[in-house]
Amino acid sequence: MQQDAAESVEGANVPEDCYILFSSHTDGWRLYEAARDAGVKARISPTPRAARASCGVSLLASCDDEAALLRLAEEAGVPLEGVARLPRQRNARRDTFC
């Protein structure tokens, strides 16, 4: 039985994050600054391997803000390579050693 990408092994829904993909880090920074100025919450993040085979930077944001970020990119003239919707990968116990 195949699992939906937004479901965990236990069947509970896992929230999705949107990774906005760019061909250059300068495009990522331009959109990050436009988002910050517009009050849209986003952060610069390494691009996950699940989103693209080559490494690079992406803009990590809530998928609820996807439309606003796409509009800001268009207004600012920032070229995008796409948007990858992935299950949340943050681990609260990361770098916890005790």
N, C-alpha and C. Protein backbone atom coordinates (compact mmCIF):
# COMPACT_ATOMS: atom_id res chain seq x y z
N MET A 1 0.84 -1.18 0.00
CA MET A 1 0.00 0.00 0.00
C MET A 1 0.88 1.24 0.00
N GLN A 2 0.65 2.16 -0.92
CA GLN A 2 1.46 3.36 -1.06
C GLN A 2 0.96 4.44 -0.11
N GLN A 3 1.90 5.14 0.55
CA GLN A 3 1.54 6.21 1.47
C GLN A 3 1.56 7.55 0.78
N ASP A 4 0.66 8.42 1.17
CA ASP A 4 0.66 9.80 0.71
C ASP A 4 1.90 10.48 1.29
N ALA A 5 2.52 11.40 0.53
CA ALA A 5 3.75 12.07 0.98
C ALA A 5 3.53 12.88 2.25
N ALA A 6 2.30 13.29 2.51
CA ALA A 6 2.02 14.12 3.69
C ALA A 6 1.60 13.28 4.90
N GLU A 7 1.78 11.96 4.84
CA GLU A 7 1.44 11.11 5.97
C GLU A 7 2.70 10.48 6.52
N SER A 8 2.78 10.34 7.83
CA SER A 8 3.92 9.67 8.43
C SER A 8 3.67 8.17 8.44
N VAL A 9 4.63 7.45 8.94
CA VAL A 9 4.52 6.00 9.01
C VAL A 9 3.34 5.60 9.90
N GLU A 10 3.08 6.39 10.92
CA GLU A 10 2.00 6.09 11.85
C GLU A 10 0.64 6.53 11.34
N GLY A 11 0.59 7.21 10.21
CA GLY A 11 -0.68 7.63 9.63
C GLY A 11 -1.10 9.04 10.01
N ALA A 12 -0.37 9.69 10.91
CA ALA A 12 -0.73 11.06 11.28
C ALA A 12 -0.30 12.01 10.17
N ASN A 13 -1.06 13.06 9.97
CA ASN A 13 -0.70 14.03 8.94
C ASN A 13 0.55 14.80 9.33
N VAL A 14 1.45 14.93 8.40
CA VAL A 14 2.68 15.69 8.58
C VAL A 14 2.53 16.96 7.75
N PRO A 15 2.75 18.13 8.35
CA PRO A 15 2.61 19.36 7.57
C PRO A 15 3.65 19.41 6.45
N GLU A 16 3.31 20.13 5.39
CA GLU A 16 4.22 20.30 4.27
C GLU A 16 4.89 21.67 4.35
N ASP A 17 6.11 21.71 3.85
CA ASP A 17 6.84 22.96 3.68
C ASP A 17 7.05 23.16 2.19
N CYS A 18 7.12 24.40 1.77
CA CYS A 18 7.40 24.72 0.38
C CYS A 18 8.84 25.23 0.26
N TYR A 19 9.55 24.66 -0.68
CA TYR A 19 10.90 25.10 -1.00
C TYR A 19 10.83 25.79 -2.36
N ILE A 20 11.10 27.09 -2.40
CA ILE A 20 11.13 27.84 -3.63
C ILE A 20 12.54 27.68 -4.20
N LEU A 21 12.64 27.19 -5.44
CA LEU A 21 13.93 26.84 -6.02
C LEU A 21 14.43 27.92 -6.98
N PHE A 22 15.74 28.15 -6.97
CA PHE A 22 16.38 29.18 -7.78
C PHE A 22 17.58 28.58 -8.51
N SER A 23 18.01 29.26 -9.56
CA SER A 23 19.22 28.83 -10.25
C SER A 23 20.46 29.48 -9.66
N SER A 24 20.29 30.55 -8.88
CA SER A 24 21.44 31.20 -8.24
C SER A 24 21.08 31.69 -6.84
N HIS A 25 22.08 31.77 -6.01
CA HIS A 25 21.84 32.23 -4.63
C HIS A 25 21.44 33.69 -4.59
N THR A 26 21.88 34.49 -5.56
CA THR A 26 21.49 35.91 -5.56
C THR A 26 19.99 36.06 -5.80
N ASP A 27 19.41 35.19 -6.63
CA ASP A 27 17.95 35.24 -6.83
C ASP A 27 17.23 34.88 -5.54
N GLY A 28 17.77 33.90 -4.82
CA GLY A 28 17.18 33.51 -3.54
C GLY A 28 17.20 34.64 -2.54
N TRP A 29 18.33 35.35 -2.46
CA TRP A 29 18.43 36.47 -1.53
C TRP A 29 17.50 37.61 -1.93
N ARG A 30 17.36 37.85 -3.23
CA ARG A 30 16.46 38.92 -3.68
C ARG A 30 15.03 38.64 -3.24
N LEU A 31 14.58 37.39 -3.42
CA LEU A 31 13.21 37.07 -3.01
C LEU A 31 13.09 37.06 -1.50
N TYR A 32 14.11 36.60 -0.80
CA TYR A 32 14.08 36.63 0.66
C TYR A 32 13.89 38.07 1.16
N GLU A 33 14.65 39.01 0.59
CA GLU A 33 14.53 40.41 1.01
C GLU A 33 13.16 40.98 0.66
N ALA A 34 12.62 40.62 -0.49
CA ALA A 34 11.27 41.09 -0.87
C ALA A 34 10.23 40.53 0.09
N ALA A 35 10.39 39.26 0.46
CA ALA A 35 9.45 38.64 1.40
C ALA A 35 9.54 39.30 2.77
N ARG A 36 10.76 39.54 3.23
CA ARG A 36 10.95 40.19 4.53
C ARG A 36 10.32 41.57 4.54
N ASP A 37 10.54 42.34 3.47
CA ASP A 37 9.98 43.69 3.38
C ASP A 37 8.45 43.67 3.33
N ALA A 38 7.87 42.60 2.76
CA ALA A 38 6.41 42.48 2.65
C ALA A 38 5.79 41.80 3.88
N GLY A 39 6.63 41.36 4.81
CA GLY A 39 6.12 40.71 6.02
C GLY A 39 5.73 39.26 5.82
N VAL A 40 6.24 38.62 4.76
CA VAL A 40 5.97 37.20 4.51
C VAL A 40 7.11 36.40 5.13
N LYS A 41 6.75 35.47 6.00
CA LYS A 41 7.75 34.70 6.73
C LYS A 41 8.39 33.64 5.83
N ALA A 42 9.72 33.69 5.71
CA ALA A 42 10.47 32.73 4.90
C ALA A 42 11.92 32.77 5.38
N ARG A 43 12.67 31.71 5.04
CA ARG A 43 14.09 31.72 5.39
C ARG A 43 14.90 31.02 4.32
N ILE A 44 16.16 31.41 4.21
CA ILE A 44 17.08 30.77 3.28
C ILE A 44 17.41 29.39 3.84
N SER A 45 17.43 28.40 2.96
CA SER A 45 17.67 27.03 3.38
C SER A 45 18.45 26.29 2.30
N PRO A 46 19.26 25.30 2.70
CA PRO A 46 19.84 24.43 1.67
C PRO A 46 18.72 23.70 0.94
N THR A 47 18.89 23.47 -0.33
CA THR A 47 17.88 22.75 -1.10
C THR A 47 17.96 21.26 -0.77
N PRO A 48 16.87 20.66 -0.33
CA PRO A 48 16.91 19.23 -0.02
C PRO A 48 17.11 18.38 -1.27
N ARG A 49 17.76 17.26 -1.13
CA ARG A 49 17.98 16.34 -2.25
C ARG A 49 16.66 15.86 -2.84
N ALA A 50 15.62 15.79 -2.04
CA ALA A 50 14.31 15.35 -2.53
C ALA A 50 13.71 16.38 -3.50
N ALA A 51 14.19 17.62 -3.44
CA ALA A 51 13.66 18.67 -4.31
C ALA A 51 14.45 18.80 -5.60
N ARG A 52 15.77 18.57 -5.52
CA ARG A 52 16.62 18.72 -6.69
C ARG A 52 17.93 17.97 -6.43
N ALA A 53 18.45 17.34 -7.45
CA ALA A 53 19.65 16.52 -7.30
C ALA A 53 20.88 17.36 -6.98
N SER A 54 20.98 18.54 -7.56
CA SER A 54 22.15 19.38 -7.28
C SER A 54 21.88 20.23 -6.05
N CYS A 55 22.96 20.56 -5.37
CA CYS A 55 22.79 21.38 -4.17
C CYS A 55 22.57 22.84 -4.55
N GLY A 56 22.22 23.62 -3.60
CA GLY A 56 21.98 25.04 -3.82
C GLY A 56 21.16 25.59 -2.69
N VAL A 57 20.71 26.82 -2.85
CA VAL A 57 19.87 27.43 -1.82
C VAL A 57 18.44 27.49 -2.32
N SER A 58 17.56 27.49 -1.37
CA SER A 58 16.14 27.64 -1.66
C SER A 58 15.55 28.54 -0.59
N LEU A 59 14.32 28.91 -0.78
CA LEU A 59 13.60 29.69 0.22
C LEU A 59 12.59 28.75 0.86
N LEU A 60 12.69 28.55 2.14
CA LEU A 60 11.80 27.66 2.88
C LEU A 60 10.68 28.49 3.49
N ALA A 61 9.44 28.09 3.20
CA ALA A 61 8.28 28.84 3.70
C ALA A 61 7.11 27.90 3.90
N SER A 62 6.13 28.39 4.59
CA SER A 62 4.87 27.65 4.72
C SER A 62 4.19 27.61 3.36
N CYS A 63 3.58 26.49 3.04
CA CYS A 63 2.87 26.40 1.76
C CYS A 63 1.67 27.34 1.73
N ASP A 64 1.22 27.81 2.88
CA ASP A 64 0.14 28.80 2.92
C ASP A 64 0.59 30.13 2.30
N ASP A 65 1.90 30.37 2.29
CA ASP A 65 2.45 31.62 1.75
C ASP A 65 2.96 31.47 0.32
N GLU A 66 2.75 30.31 -0.29
CA GLU A 66 3.28 30.05 -1.63
C GLU A 66 2.80 31.09 -2.65
N ALA A 67 1.50 31.37 -2.69
CA ALA A 67 0.96 32.31 -3.67
C ALA A 67 1.55 33.71 -3.48
N ALA A 68 1.69 34.13 -2.22
CA ALA A 68 2.27 35.45 -1.95
C ALA A 68 3.72 35.52 -2.42
N LEU A 69 4.48 34.44 -2.20
CA LEU A 69 5.88 34.43 -2.62
C LEU A 69 6.01 34.41 -4.15
N LEU A 70 5.13 33.68 -4.82
CA LEU A 70 5.17 33.66 -6.28
C LEU A 70 4.84 35.04 -6.84
N ARG A 71 3.88 35.71 -6.22
CA ARG A 71 3.53 37.07 -6.65
C ARG A 71 4.69 38.03 -6.42
N LEU A 72 5.33 37.93 -5.24
CA LEU A 72 6.49 38.79 -4.96
C LEU A 72 7.63 38.53 -5.93
N ALA A 73 7.86 37.27 -6.29
CA ALA A 73 8.92 36.95 -7.26
C ALA A 73 8.63 37.59 -8.60
N GLU A 74 7.38 37.51 -9.03
CA GLU A 74 7.00 38.11 -10.31
C GLU A 74 7.18 39.63 -10.27
N GLU A 75 6.71 40.26 -9.19
CA GLU A 75 6.82 41.71 -9.05
C GLU A 75 8.28 42.16 -9.01
N ALA A 76 9.14 41.37 -8.38
CA ALA A 76 10.55 41.74 -8.24
C ALA A 76 11.40 41.29 -9.42
N GLY A 77 10.80 40.54 -10.34
CA GLY A 77 11.54 40.05 -11.49
C GLY A 77 12.54 38.96 -11.15
N VAL A 78 12.24 38.18 -10.11
CA VAL A 78 13.13 37.10 -9.68
C VAL A 78 12.73 35.82 -10.40
N PRO A 79 13.63 35.26 -11.22
CA PRO A 79 13.29 34.00 -11.91
C PRO A 79 13.33 32.82 -10.95
N LEU A 80 12.34 31.95 -11.07
CA LEU A 80 12.25 30.76 -10.22
C LEU A 80 12.42 29.50 -11.06
N GLU A 81 12.96 28.46 -10.44
CA GLU A 81 13.04 27.16 -11.10
C GLU A 81 11.85 26.30 -10.76
N GLY A 82 11.13 26.63 -9.71
CA GLY A 82 9.96 25.86 -9.33
C GLY A 82 9.73 25.89 -7.84
N VAL A 83 8.72 25.13 -7.42
CA VAL A 83 8.37 25.01 -6.01
C VAL A 83 8.26 23.53 -5.70
N ALA A 84 8.91 23.10 -4.63
CA ALA A 84 8.83 21.71 -4.19
C ALA A 84 8.08 21.67 -2.86
N ARG A 85 6.97 20.92 -2.85
CA ARG A 85 6.22 20.71 -1.61
C ARG A 85 6.69 19.39 -1.01
N LEU A 86 7.27 19.48 0.19
CA LEU A 86 7.81 18.28 0.84
C LEU A 86 7.29 18.18 2.27
N PRO A 87 7.15 16.95 2.77
CA PRO A 87 6.77 16.79 4.17
C PRO A 87 7.82 17.46 5.06
N ARG A 88 7.36 18.05 6.14
CA ARG A 88 8.27 18.77 7.04
C ARG A 88 9.41 17.85 7.48
N GLN A 89 10.63 18.37 7.39
CA GLN A 89 11.81 17.57 7.69
C GLN A 89 12.52 18.02 8.96
N ARG A 90 11.98 18.99 9.61
CA ARG A 90 12.63 19.49 10.82
C ARG A 90 12.56 18.45 11.92
N ASN A 91 13.67 18.29 12.60
CA ASN A 91 13.76 17.32 13.69
C ASN A 91 14.05 18.08 14.97
N ALA A 92 13.10 18.09 15.89
CA ALA A 92 13.27 18.84 17.14
C ALA A 92 14.43 18.31 17.97
N ARG A 93 14.83 17.05 17.78
CA ARG A 93 15.92 16.47 18.56
C ARG A 93 17.27 16.59 17.85
N ARG A 94 17.30 17.25 16.73
CA ARG A 94 18.56 17.43 16.01
C ARG A 94 19.57 18.20 16.86
N ASP A 95 20.78 17.74 16.87
CA ASP A 95 21.87 18.32 17.65
C ASP A 95 21.61 18.29 19.15
N THR A 96 20.76 17.38 19.59
CA THR A 96 20.54 17.18 21.02
C THR A 96 21.34 15.95 21.43
N PHE A 97 22.25 16.12 22.35
CA PHE A 97 23.16 15.04 22.70
C PHE A 97 22.94 14.47 24.08
N CYS A 98 22.06 15.04 24.86
CA CYS A 98 21.82 14.55 26.22
C CYS A 98 20.38 14.16 26.41
